């Protein structure tokens, strides 16, 4: 976690085998399809007697257009492989930008883990590039 509380999320490649290409700085679709990219916040939801709180998500959208874009972002708390919605934002993000999603300060200590799910709509291969997914977290 950096000084501002932003934590890089870890991409779970096995969630969609064969449909994305990952390099050291970007993740790109390789098929024309709708897909979900899953990321996990790599922090324990409890640290001693402190609880993990989540307050925002930031996504670097490096390449997109009206036909190839991010159209939905979910944040889910996971308990025993079942998800509970923490945030659910539907929008069309169709140009390169830094997407900012505020999450009401959420106590994540009841979950085993927390995932960020980015939904893409892609009409051509290499239509959408994401450069990062960050979570703003703190313990208290």
C-alpha atoms as a PDB file:
ATOM      1  CA  UNK A   1       0.000   0.000   0.000  1.00  0.00           C
ATOM      2  CA  UNK A   2       1.471   3.375  -0.936  1.00  0.00           C
ATOM      3  CA  UNK A   3       1.224   6.563   1.141  1.00  0.00           C
ATOM      4  CA  UNK A   4      -2.173   7.460  -0.314  1.00  0.00           C
ATOM      5  CA  UNK A   5      -3.604   3.973   0.325  1.00  0.00           C
ATOM      6  CA  UNK A   6      -3.770   2.876  -3.341  1.00  0.00           C
ATOM      7  CA  UNK A   7      -3.054  -0.844  -3.793  1.00  0.00           C
ATOM      8  CA  UNK A   8      -2.439  -2.492  -7.192  1.00  0.00           C
ATOM      9  CA  UNK A   9      -4.940  -5.307  -7.728  1.00  0.00           C
ATOM     10  CA  UNK A  10      -3.794  -8.663  -9.084  1.00  0.00           C
ATOM     11  CA  UNK A  11      -5.251  -9.895 -12.359  1.00  0.00           C
ATOM     12  CA  UNK A  12      -6.591 -13.464 -12.183  1.00  0.00           C
ATOM     13  CA  UNK A  13      -5.758 -14.730 -15.668  1.00  0.00           C
ATOM     14  CA  UNK A  14      -7.453 -18.090 -15.125  1.00  0.00           C
ATOM     15  CA  UNK A  15     -10.845 -16.392 -14.964  1.00  0.00           C
ATOM     16  CA  UNK A  16     -10.923 -16.113 -18.779  1.00  0.00           C
ATOM     17  CA  UNK A  17      -8.253 -18.341 -20.349  1.00  0.00           C
ATOM     18  CA  UNK A  18      -7.261 -17.534 -23.905  1.00  0.00           C
ATOM     19  CA  UNK A  19      -9.234 -14.303 -24.294  1.00  0.00           C
ATOM     20  CA  UNK A  20      -6.683 -11.754 -23.100  1.00  0.00           C
ATOM     21  CA  UNK A  21      -3.047 -10.927 -23.585  1.00  0.00           C
ATOM     22  CA  UNK A  22      -1.113  -9.666 -20.589  1.00  0.00           C
ATOM     23  CA  UNK A  23       2.149  -7.761 -20.838  1.00  0.00           C
ATOM     24  CA  UNK A  24       4.134  -6.025 -18.140  1.00  0.00           C
ATOM     25  CA  UNK A  25       1.988  -2.885 -18.372  1.00  0.00           C
ATOM     26  CA  UNK A  26      -1.327  -3.704 -20.062  1.00  0.00           C
ATOM     27  CA  UNK A  27      -4.086  -6.269 -20.436  1.00  0.00           C
ATOM     28  CA  UNK A  28      -5.739  -6.458 -23.864  1.00  0.00           C
ATOM     29  CA  UNK A  29      -8.619  -8.498 -25.250  1.00  0.00           C
ATOM     30  CA  UNK A  30      -7.705 -11.013 -27.995  1.00  0.00           C
ATOM     31  CA  UNK A  31     -11.238 -11.944 -29.074  1.00  0.00           C
ATOM     32  CA  UNK A  32     -14.344 -10.033 -30.087  1.00  0.00           C
ATOM     33  CA  UNK A  33     -16.666 -10.831 -27.223  1.00  0.00           C
ATOM     34  CA  UNK A  34     -18.116  -9.625 -23.954  1.00  0.00           C
ATOM     35  CA  UNK A  35     -15.940 -10.653 -21.051  1.00  0.00           C
ATOM     36  CA  UNK A  36     -15.188 -10.159 -17.385  1.00  0.00           C
ATOM     37  CA  UNK A  37     -11.704  -9.401 -16.113  1.00  0.00           C
ATOM     38  CA  UNK A  38     -11.312 -10.378 -12.465  1.00  0.00           C
ATOM     39  CA  UNK A  39      -8.849  -8.761 -10.084  1.00  0.00           C
ATOM     40  CA  UNK A  40      -8.256  -9.482  -6.416  1.00  0.00           C
ATOM     41  CA  UNK A  41      -7.251  -6.918  -3.785  1.00  0.00           C
ATOM     42  CA  UNK A  42      -4.082  -8.539  -2.392  1.00  0.00           C
ATOM     43  CA  UNK A  43      -4.567  -7.597   1.247  1.00  0.00           C
ATOM     44  CA  UNK A  44      -5.896  -9.575   4.202  1.00  0.00           C
ATOM     45  CA  UNK A  45      -9.356  -8.414   5.200  1.00  0.00           C
ATOM     46  CA  UNK A  46      -8.233  -8.408   8.840  1.00  0.00           C
ATOM     47  CA  UNK A  47      -4.810  -7.584  10.253  1.00  0.00           C
ATOM     48  CA  UNK A  48      -4.693  -8.336  13.965  1.00  0.00           C
ATOM     49  CA  UNK A  49      -7.594  -6.383  15.442  1.00  0.00           C
ATOM     50  CA  UNK A  50      -7.750  -3.988  12.484  1.00  0.00           C
ATOM     51  CA  UNK A  51     -10.323  -4.270   9.707  1.00  0.00           C
ATOM     52  CA  UNK A  52      -9.750  -3.580   6.008  1.00  0.00           C
ATOM     53  CA  UNK A  53     -11.859  -0.733   4.597  1.00  0.00           C
ATOM     54  CA  UNK A  54     -12.305   0.034   0.905  1.00  0.00           C
ATOM     55  CA  UNK A  55     -13.151   3.555  -0.284  1.00  0.00           C
ATOM     56  CA  UNK A  56     -12.470   3.749  -4.044  1.00  0.00           C
ATOM     57  CA  UNK A  57     -11.459   1.931  -7.229  1.00  0.00           C
ATOM     58  CA  UNK A  58      -9.280   3.408  -9.989  1.00  0.00           C
ATOM     59  CA  UNK A  59      -8.903   1.843 -13.443  1.00  0.00           C
ATOM     60  CA  UNK A  60      -6.503   2.922 -16.179  1.00  0.00           C
ATOM     61  CA  UNK A  61      -8.307   2.626 -19.503  1.00  0.00           C
ATOM     62  CA  UNK A  62      -5.532   2.956 -22.075  1.00  0.00           C
ATOM     63  CA  UNK A  63      -7.478   2.202 -25.270  1.00  0.00           C
ATOM     64  CA  UNK A  64     -11.253   2.175 -25.910  1.00  0.00           C
ATOM     65  CA  UNK A  65     -13.917   3.517 -28.264  1.00  0.00           C
ATOM     66  CA  UNK A  66     -17.701   3.428 -28.673  1.00  0.00           C
ATOM     67  CA  UNK A  67     -17.649  -0.203 -29.901  1.00  0.00           C
ATOM     68  CA  UNK A  68     -14.940  -1.478 -27.516  1.00  0.00           C
ATOM     69  CA  UNK A  69     -15.280  -0.284 -23.963  1.00  0.00           C
ATOM     70  CA  UNK A  70     -15.744  -0.934 -20.265  1.00  0.00           C
ATOM     71  CA  UNK A  71     -19.462  -1.010 -19.486  1.00  0.00           C
ATOM     72  CA  UNK A  72     -19.716  -2.278 -15.924  1.00  0.00           C
ATOM     73  CA  UNK A  73     -17.527  -2.465 -12.819  1.00  0.00           C
ATOM     74  CA  UNK A  74     -18.440  -4.600  -9.812  1.00  0.00           C
ATOM     75  CA  UNK A  75     -16.732  -4.906  -6.455  1.00  0.00           C
ATOM     76  CA  UNK A  76     -17.592  -8.105  -4.617  1.00  0.00           C
ATOM     77  CA  UNK A  77     -16.752  -9.398  -1.190  1.00  0.00           C
ATOM     78  CA  UNK A  78     -16.120 -13.152  -1.399  1.00  0.00           C
ATOM     79  CA  UNK A  79     -17.124 -15.638   1.314  1.00  0.00           C
ATOM     80  CA  UNK A  80     -16.703 -19.338   0.554  1.00  0.00           C
ATOM     81  CA  UNK A  81     -16.589 -18.681  -3.232  1.00  0.00           C
ATOM     82  CA  UNK A  82     -19.895 -16.754  -3.159  1.00  0.00           C
ATOM     83  CA  UNK A  83     -19.959 -13.047  -3.896  1.00  0.00           C
ATOM     84  CA  UNK A  84     -21.736 -10.228  -2.114  1.00  0.00           C
ATOM     85  CA  UNK A  85     -22.012  -6.901  -3.957  1.00  0.00           C
ATOM     86  CA  UNK A  86     -20.092  -4.009  -2.410  1.00  0.00           C
ATOM     87  CA  UNK A  87     -20.358  -1.685  -5.438  1.00  0.00           C
ATOM     88  CA  UNK A  88     -22.055  -2.067  -8.803  1.00  0.00           C
ATOM     89  CA  UNK A  89     -21.542   0.723 -11.343  1.00  0.00           C
ATOM     90  CA  UNK A  90     -22.847   0.554 -14.914  1.00  0.00           C
ATOM     91  CA  UNK A  91     -21.642   3.142 -17.380  1.00  0.00           C
ATOM     92  CA  UNK A  92     -20.034   3.314 -20.820  1.00  0.00           C
ATOM     93  CA  UNK A  93     -16.372   4.272 -20.515  1.00  0.00           C
ATOM     94  CA  UNK A  94     -15.390   4.532 -24.186  1.00  0.00           C
ATOM     95  CA  UNK A  95     -12.291   6.703 -24.322  1.00  0.00           C
ATOM     96  CA  UNK A  96      -8.819   6.498 -22.782  1.00  0.00           C
ATOM     97  CA  UNK A  97      -9.115   7.793 -19.230  1.00  0.00           C
ATOM     98  CA  UNK A  98      -8.604   7.110 -15.567  1.00  0.00           C
ATOM     99  CA  UNK A  99     -11.889   5.729 -14.269  1.00  0.00           C
ATOM    100  CA  UNK A 100     -12.607   6.720 -10.658  1.00  0.00           C
ATOM    101  CA  UNK A 101     -15.309   4.913  -8.700  1.00  0.00           C
ATOM    102  CA  UNK A 102     -16.084   6.037  -5.153  1.00  0.00           C
ATOM    103  CA  UNK A 103     -17.174   3.278  -2.809  1.00  0.00           C
ATOM    104  CA  UNK A 104     -18.852   4.205   0.470  1.00  0.00           C
ATOM    105  CA  UNK A 105     -16.285   3.307   3.142  1.00  0.00           C
ATOM    106  CA  UNK A 106     -16.913  -0.409   3.349  1.00  0.00           C
ATOM    107  CA  UNK A 107     -15.795  -2.737   6.134  1.00  0.00           C
ATOM    108  CA  UNK A 108     -14.389  -5.753   4.268  1.00  0.00           C
ATOM    109  CA  UNK A 109     -13.438  -7.764   7.359  1.00  0.00           C
ATOM    110  CA  UNK A 110     -16.415 -10.125   7.018  1.00  0.00           C
ATOM    111  CA  UNK A 111     -15.119 -11.374   3.638  1.00  0.00           C
ATOM    112  CA  UNK A 112     -12.404 -13.899   2.801  1.00  0.00           C
ATOM    113  CA  UNK A 113     -11.275 -11.678  -0.084  1.00  0.00           C
ATOM    114  CA  UNK A 114     -12.424  -8.759  -2.218  1.00  0.00           C
ATOM    115  CA  UNK A 115     -12.540  -8.799  -6.029  1.00  0.00           C
ATOM    116  CA  UNK A 116     -12.949  -6.120  -8.678  1.00  0.00           C
ATOM    117  CA  UNK A 117     -14.704  -7.352 -11.822  1.00  0.00           C
ATOM    118  CA  UNK A 118     -14.342  -5.235 -14.971  1.00  0.00           C
ATOM    119  CA  UNK A 119     -16.860  -6.047 -17.734  1.00  0.00           C
ATOM    120  CA  UNK A 120     -15.740  -5.356 -21.314  1.00  0.00           C
ATOM    121  CA  UNK A 121     -17.644  -5.245 -24.566  1.00  0.00           C
ATOM    122  CA  UNK A 122     -15.286  -5.863 -27.478  1.00  0.00           C
ATOM    123  CA  UNK A 123     -16.250  -6.028 -31.151  1.00  0.00           C
ATOM    124  CA  UNK A 124     -12.692  -6.516 -32.431  1.00  0.00           C
ATOM    125  CA  UNK A 125      -9.528  -8.107 -31.036  1.00  0.00           C
ATOM    126  CA  UNK A 126      -7.239  -5.605 -29.279  1.00  0.00           C
ATOM    127  CA  UNK A 127     -10.127  -3.151 -28.859  1.00  0.00           C
ATOM    128  CA  UNK A 128      -9.701  -2.498 -25.127  1.00  0.00           C
ATOM    129  CA  UNK A 129      -6.487  -2.066 -23.116  1.00  0.00           C
ATOM    130  CA  UNK A 130      -6.413  -1.687 -19.332  1.00  0.00           C
ATOM    131  CA  UNK A 131      -3.184  -0.476 -17.782  1.00  0.00           C
ATOM    132  CA  UNK A 132      -4.040  -0.859 -14.078  1.00  0.00           C
ATOM    133  CA  UNK A 133      -6.715  -1.539 -11.478  1.00  0.00           C
ATOM    134  CA  UNK A 134      -6.128   0.008  -8.046  1.00  0.00           C
ATOM    135  CA  UNK A 135      -8.094  -0.126  -4.811  1.00  0.00           C
ATOM    136  CA  UNK A 136      -7.971   2.623  -2.174  1.00  0.00           C
ATOM    137  CA  UNK A 137      -7.831   0.803   1.155  1.00  0.00           C
ATOM    138  CA  UNK A 138      -6.963   1.431   4.760  1.00  0.00           C
ATOM    139  CA  UNK A 139      -7.011  -0.416   8.089  1.00  0.00           C
ATOM    140  CA  UNK A 140      -8.691   0.793  11.245  1.00  0.00           C
END
